[in-house]
Amino acid sequence: MTEDEKYMREAVQEARKALAKDEIPIGAVVVANGVIIGRGHNMTETLHDVTAHAEMQAITAAEEYLGGKYLDRCALYVTVEPCVMCAGAIGWSQLGKLVYGASDEKRGFMRYAPQALHPKTQVVSGIMADEAGEMMREFFKKKR
C-alpha cells in the first residue's frame, strides 16, 4: 500500500461518517510529516451551511492545529475532486499536495477553474477512485 492509499483510506472513513449522517459522502484528511492534523467530512445539511464541505472542515482543523493559515508542507486527501470553492481555499492555503479519488465531472474544479490552486501544489488524482465514486453513486441513487 502506498502512502497516498494509506491516507486516502482515512479520507474514505471520513466519507462514511458523512454517509451515516445522510450527508453527501465526501471525506478529507490533511497530513503533515506523516501525521493527520485535520479531518473533515461533508456537514452541509447538519450545519445548514453550504460551505461546510469536507475539505473546508479538514483545512480549518489543520490550520488550527498548526496555528497558521498556510499548509505548504501538508497534503490534503479527499475522496472526490474538490469544487471551485474548495479549490480556492486550497489555493489560498498554499497547500503542498492535493490527492483526490473520484473526478467530479459536473462540479469539479478541473472543469471550471483548473488554475485555482497555488502554482506549486502537486496534484494526484484517481487514488481509490472506484470506491469513492461508488459511494457517491449509491448515495444519489437512494435519493432519487
Protein backbone atom coordinates (compact mmCIF):
# COMPACT_ATOMS: atom_id res chain seq x y z
CA MET A 1 0.00 0.00 0.00
CA THR A 2 1.36 3.40 -0.96
CA GLU A 3 1.35 6.42 1.32
CA ASP A 4 -1.35 8.01 -0.83
CA GLU A 5 -3.56 4.92 -0.44
CA LYS A 6 -2.94 4.85 3.31
CA TYR A 7 -4.23 8.38 3.81
CA MET A 8 -6.99 8.06 1.24
CA ARG A 9 -8.33 5.16 3.32
CA GLU A 10 -8.60 7.64 6.20
CA ALA A 11 -10.48 10.06 3.95
CA VAL A 12 -12.85 7.23 2.96
CA GLN A 13 -13.52 6.63 6.67
CA GLU A 14 -14.49 10.29 6.95
CA ALA A 15 -16.78 9.91 3.93
CA ARG A 16 -18.51 7.02 5.70
CA LYS A 17 -19.16 9.32 8.67
CA ALA A 18 -20.88 11.73 6.31
CA LEU A 19 -22.91 8.90 4.80
CA ALA A 20 -24.06 7.80 8.27
CA LYS A 21 -25.45 11.33 8.77
CA ASP A 22 -27.19 11.27 5.37
CA GLU A 23 -24.68 13.82 4.07
CA ILE A 24 -23.05 13.61 0.64
CA PRO A 25 -20.29 11.04 1.31
CA ILE A 26 -17.10 13.02 0.86
CA GLY A 27 -14.25 12.84 3.36
CA ALA A 28 -10.90 14.54 3.73
CA VAL A 29 -7.76 14.49 5.85
CA VAL A 30 -4.76 16.82 5.99
CA VAL A 31 -1.36 15.24 6.65
CA ALA A 32 1.87 16.89 7.81
CA ASN A 33 5.07 14.92 8.38
CA GLY A 34 3.19 11.62 8.42
CA VAL A 35 0.61 12.79 10.97
CA ILE A 36 -3.05 13.53 10.30
CA ILE A 37 -3.58 17.07 11.58
CA GLY A 38 -7.05 17.73 10.20
CA ARG A 39 -10.10 15.65 9.41
CA GLY A 40 -13.41 16.51 7.86
CA HIS A 41 -16.49 15.21 6.12
CA ASN A 42 -19.40 16.94 4.48
CA MET A 43 -21.65 18.63 7.04
CA THR A 44 -23.70 20.97 4.86
CA GLU A 45 -27.05 19.51 5.96
CA THR A 46 -26.09 19.13 9.61
CA LEU A 47 -24.79 22.69 9.90
CA HIS A 48 -27.20 24.25 7.36
CA ASP A 49 -24.09 25.71 5.72
CA VAL A 50 -23.30 25.36 2.03
CA THR A 51 -19.61 25.97 2.79
CA ALA A 52 -19.30 23.01 5.21
CA HIS A 53 -17.59 20.75 2.68
CA ALA A 54 -15.19 18.02 3.81
CA GLU A 55 -12.16 19.91 2.50
CA MET A 56 -13.14 23.12 4.31
CA GLN A 57 -13.58 21.21 7.58
CA ALA A 58 -10.20 19.47 7.24
CA ILE A 59 -8.35 22.63 6.17
CA THR A 60 -9.76 24.62 9.09
CA ALA A 61 -8.82 21.87 11.55
CA ALA A 62 -5.27 21.66 10.14
CA GLU A 63 -4.77 25.43 10.24
CA GLU A 64 -5.99 25.47 13.83
CA TYR A 65 -3.60 22.64 14.70
CA LEU A 66 -0.66 24.49 13.12
CA GLY A 67 -1.68 27.91 14.40
CA GLY A 68 -1.38 29.43 10.93
CA LYS A 69 -3.14 29.68 7.60
CA TYR A 70 -0.57 28.15 5.26
CA LEU A 71 -0.43 24.43 4.51
CA ASP A 72 2.51 24.46 2.10
CA ARG A 73 4.14 21.48 3.85
CA CYS A 74 0.91 19.50 4.02
CA ALA A 75 -1.08 17.13 1.83
CA LEU A 76 -4.86 17.05 1.56
CA TYR A 77 -6.51 13.73 0.74
CA VAL A 78 -10.12 13.98 -0.38
CA THR A 79 -12.35 11.25 -1.78
CA VAL A 80 -13.83 13.36 -4.59
CA GLU A 81 -12.35 16.14 -6.74
CA PRO A 82 -12.80 19.49 -4.96
CA CYS A 83 -15.34 22.03 -6.17
CA VAL A 84 -14.32 25.54 -7.19
CA MET A 85 -14.94 26.93 -3.68
CA CYS A 86 -12.74 24.31 -2.07
CA ALA A 87 -10.07 24.71 -4.76
CA GLY A 88 -9.98 28.41 -3.92
CA ALA A 89 -9.43 27.64 -0.24
CA ILE A 90 -6.78 25.09 -1.17
CA GLY A 91 -5.08 27.74 -3.31
CA TRP A 92 -5.20 30.40 -0.57
CA SER A 93 -3.75 27.93 1.95
CA GLN A 94 -0.86 27.27 -0.46
CA LEU A 95 -1.32 23.53 0.04
CA GLY A 96 1.74 21.49 -0.88
CA LYS A 97 -0.09 18.47 -2.30
CA LEU A 98 -3.66 17.61 -3.24
CA VAL A 99 -4.66 13.97 -3.66
CA TYR A 100 -8.21 13.13 -4.71
CA GLY A 101 -10.04 9.99 -5.65
CA ALA A 102 -13.02 10.23 -7.99
CA SER A 103 -13.34 13.03 -10.54
CA ASP A 104 -16.42 15.23 -10.40
CA GLU A 105 -17.50 15.83 -13.99
CA LYS A 106 -20.32 18.22 -13.01
CA ARG A 107 -18.83 20.36 -10.24
CA GLY A 108 -15.09 19.67 -10.10
CA PHE A 109 -12.56 22.49 -10.18
CA MET A 110 -10.64 20.96 -13.09
CA ARG A 111 -13.57 21.76 -15.37
CA TYR A 112 -14.25 25.31 -14.19
CA ALA A 113 -11.10 26.64 -12.51
CA PRO A 114 -8.05 24.47 -13.16
CA GLN A 115 -5.76 27.38 -12.27
CA ALA A 116 -7.33 27.95 -8.82
CA LEU A 117 -4.64 26.05 -6.92
CA HIS A 118 -1.30 27.52 -5.89
CA PRO A 119 1.21 27.03 -8.72
CA LYS A 120 3.45 24.85 -6.52
CA THR A 121 0.66 22.49 -5.42
CA GLN A 122 1.29 18.95 -6.62
CA VAL A 123 -1.92 17.20 -7.76
CA VAL A 124 -2.52 13.45 -7.79
CA SER A 125 -5.88 12.03 -8.87
CA GLY A 126 -7.54 8.65 -9.12
CA ILE A 127 -6.44 7.19 -5.77
CA MET A 128 -9.24 4.81 -4.67
CA ALA A 129 -11.47 6.47 -7.27
CA ASP A 130 -13.67 3.40 -7.74
CA GLU A 131 -14.57 3.13 -4.07
CA ALA A 132 -15.21 6.86 -3.68
CA GLY A 133 -17.21 7.03 -6.90
CA GLU A 134 -19.33 4.03 -5.96
CA MET A 135 -20.17 5.56 -2.58
CA MET A 136 -21.35 8.72 -4.35
CA ARG A 137 -23.38 6.79 -6.96
CA GLU A 138 -25.14 4.71 -4.29
CA PHE A 139 -25.92 7.81 -2.21
CA PHE A 140 -27.55 9.67 -5.08
CA LYS A 141 -29.32 6.55 -6.35
CA LYS A 142 -31.11 6.30 -2.98
CA LYS A 143 -32.02 10.00 -3.14
CA ARG A 144 -33.76 9.69 -6.50
